Amino acid sequence: MSESPSSGPVGVILSVDPDRFAEVVEAARGAGLTVTGEQAVLGTLSGTIAEDRIPALKAVAGIESVDRDRTVHLPPPDAPIQ
């Protein structure tokens, strides 16, 4: 039986209470988040986490929202059209 494609790590972007940023970052790491970006002033945090760990991440006090990372990578203007 093959593993489903969504079982691996997924990119997420979190809205975090800026007044508790450092505390929330550590708690998110404890919930399984691998942090890839921090914007304390904006109250955002990005990273990757196993799909099945997202509910634990959402339960962390101080995390206001968890959204899937929908980053789109565009080719440079001089790239051939595909």
C-alpha atoms as a PDB file:
ATOM      1  CA  MET A   1       0.000   0.000   0.000  1.00  0.00           C
ATOM      2  CA  SER A   2       1.465   3.368  -0.951  1.00  0.00           C
ATOM      3  CA  GLU A   3       1.613   6.390   1.262  1.00  0.00           C
ATOM      4  CA  SER A   4      -0.625   9.310   0.291  1.00  0.00           C
ATOM      5  CA  PRO A   5       1.150  12.394  -1.092  1.00  0.00           C
ATOM      6  CA  SER A   6      -0.305  14.603   1.649  1.00  0.00           C
ATOM      7  CA  SER A   7       1.325  12.599   4.462  1.00  0.00           C
ATOM      8  CA  GLY A   8       4.691  14.366   4.101  1.00  0.00           C
ATOM      9  CA  PRO A   9       5.617  17.793   5.401  1.00  0.00           C
ATOM     10  CA  VAL A  10       3.485  20.688   4.221  1.00  0.00           C
ATOM     11  CA  GLY A  11       4.284  24.386   4.179  1.00  0.00           C
ATOM     12  CA  VAL A  12       2.299  26.548   6.578  1.00  0.00           C
ATOM     13  CA  ILE A  13       2.033  30.233   7.429  1.00  0.00           C
ATOM     14  CA  LEU A  14       0.934  31.163  10.940  1.00  0.00           C
ATOM     15  CA  SER A  15      -0.559  34.345  12.343  1.00  0.00           C
ATOM     16  CA  VAL A  16       0.887  34.738  15.823  1.00  0.00           C
ATOM     17  CA  ASP A  17       0.179  37.053  18.761  1.00  0.00           C
ATOM     18  CA  PRO A  18       3.109  39.505  18.381  1.00  0.00           C
ATOM     19  CA  ASP A  19       3.209  40.171  22.132  1.00  0.00           C
ATOM     20  CA  ARG A  20       3.983  36.483  22.780  1.00  0.00           C
ATOM     21  CA  PHE A  21       6.023  35.791  19.645  1.00  0.00           C
ATOM     22  CA  ALA A  22       9.126  34.132  21.159  1.00  0.00           C
ATOM     23  CA  GLU A  23       7.007  31.955  23.465  1.00  0.00           C
ATOM     24  CA  VAL A  24       4.728  30.883  20.614  1.00  0.00           C
ATOM     25  CA  VAL A  25       7.671  30.059  18.310  1.00  0.00           C
ATOM     26  CA  GLU A  26       9.087  27.670  20.902  1.00  0.00           C
ATOM     27  CA  ALA A  27       5.678  26.058  21.515  1.00  0.00           C
ATOM     28  CA  ALA A  28       5.155  25.664  17.751  1.00  0.00           C
ATOM     29  CA  ARG A  29       8.533  23.941  17.454  1.00  0.00           C
ATOM     30  CA  GLY A  30       7.450  21.646  20.279  1.00  0.00           C
ATOM     31  CA  ALA A  31       4.315  20.793  18.282  1.00  0.00           C
ATOM     32  CA  GLY A  32       6.489  19.701  15.350  1.00  0.00           C
ATOM     33  CA  LEU A  33       6.971  22.870  13.265  1.00  0.00           C
ATOM     34  CA  THR A  34      10.266  23.315  11.446  1.00  0.00           C
ATOM     35  CA  VAL A  35      10.559  27.106  11.302  1.00  0.00           C
ATOM     36  CA  THR A  36      11.693  28.547   7.966  1.00  0.00           C
ATOM     37  CA  GLY A  37      10.836  32.219   8.504  1.00  0.00           C
ATOM     38  CA  GLU A  38      10.006  34.601  11.331  1.00  0.00           C
ATOM     39  CA  GLN A  39       8.484  38.090  11.115  1.00  0.00           C
ATOM     40  CA  ALA A  40       7.978  39.092  14.758  1.00  0.00           C
ATOM     41  CA  VAL A  41       6.897  42.656  13.921  1.00  0.00           C
ATOM     42  CA  LEU A  42       4.212  41.367  11.557  1.00  0.00           C
ATOM     43  CA  GLY A  43       3.256  38.450  13.797  1.00  0.00           C
ATOM     44  CA  THR A  44       3.853  35.820  11.129  1.00  0.00           C
ATOM     45  CA  LEU A  45       5.760  32.590  11.178  1.00  0.00           C
ATOM     46  CA  SER A  46       6.336  30.125   8.355  1.00  0.00           C
ATOM     47  CA  GLY A  47       7.571  26.592   8.308  1.00  0.00           C
ATOM     48  CA  THR A  48       6.900  22.967   7.501  1.00  0.00           C
ATOM     49  CA  ILE A  49       5.088  20.349   9.527  1.00  0.00           C
ATOM     50  CA  ALA A  50       3.722  16.844   9.029  1.00  0.00           C
ATOM     51  CA  GLU A  51       0.094  17.018   7.910  1.00  0.00           C
ATOM     52  CA  ASP A  52      -1.067  14.973  10.905  1.00  0.00           C
ATOM     53  CA  ARG A  53       0.586  17.438  13.343  1.00  0.00           C
ATOM     54  CA  ILE A  54      -1.428  20.473  12.152  1.00  0.00           C
ATOM     55  CA  PRO A  55      -4.189  19.966  14.780  1.00  0.00           C
ATOM     56  CA  ALA A  56      -1.532  20.053  17.543  1.00  0.00           C
ATOM     57  CA  LEU A  57      -0.116  23.225  16.009  1.00  0.00           C
ATOM     58  CA  LYS A  58      -3.555  24.873  15.926  1.00  0.00           C
ATOM     59  CA  ALA A  59      -3.928  24.077  19.637  1.00  0.00           C
ATOM     60  CA  VAL A  60      -0.867  26.161  20.611  1.00  0.00           C
ATOM     61  CA  ALA A  61      -1.925  29.216  22.624  1.00  0.00           C
ATOM     62  CA  GLY A  62      -1.025  32.424  20.796  1.00  0.00           C
ATOM     63  CA  ILE A  63      -1.420  31.012  17.275  1.00  0.00           C
ATOM     64  CA  GLU A  64      -4.325  32.861  15.708  1.00  0.00           C
ATOM     65  CA  SER A  65      -4.459  30.993  12.378  1.00  0.00           C
ATOM     66  CA  VAL A  66      -2.703  28.252  10.427  1.00  0.00           C
ATOM     67  CA  ASP A  67      -2.883  28.422   6.641  1.00  0.00           C
ATOM     68  CA  ARG A  68      -1.302  26.241   3.981  1.00  0.00           C
ATOM     69  CA  ASP A  69       1.558  28.001   2.194  1.00  0.00           C
ATOM     70  CA  ARG A  70       0.334  28.822  -1.294  1.00  0.00           C
ATOM     71  CA  THR A  71       3.576  30.303  -2.584  1.00  0.00           C
ATOM     72  CA  VAL A  72       3.654  30.430  -6.374  1.00  0.00           C
ATOM     73  CA  HIS A  73       7.017  30.354  -8.128  1.00  0.00           C
ATOM     74  CA  LEU A  74       6.950  32.248 -11.405  1.00  0.00           C
ATOM     75  CA  PRO A  75       9.601  31.744 -14.073  1.00  0.00           C
ATOM     76  CA  PRO A  76      11.825  34.725 -14.882  1.00  0.00           C
ATOM     77  CA  PRO A  77      10.575  36.980 -17.698  1.00  0.00           C
ATOM     78  CA  ASP A  78      13.129  35.606 -20.175  1.00  0.00           C
ATOM     79  CA  ALA A  79      12.227  31.934 -19.549  1.00  0.00           C
ATOM     80  CA  PRO A  80      10.638  30.015 -22.415  1.00  0.00           C
ATOM     81  CA  ILE A  81       6.864  29.721 -22.280  1.00  0.00           C
ATOM     82  CA  GLN A  82       5.694  26.201 -21.468  1.00  0.00           C
END
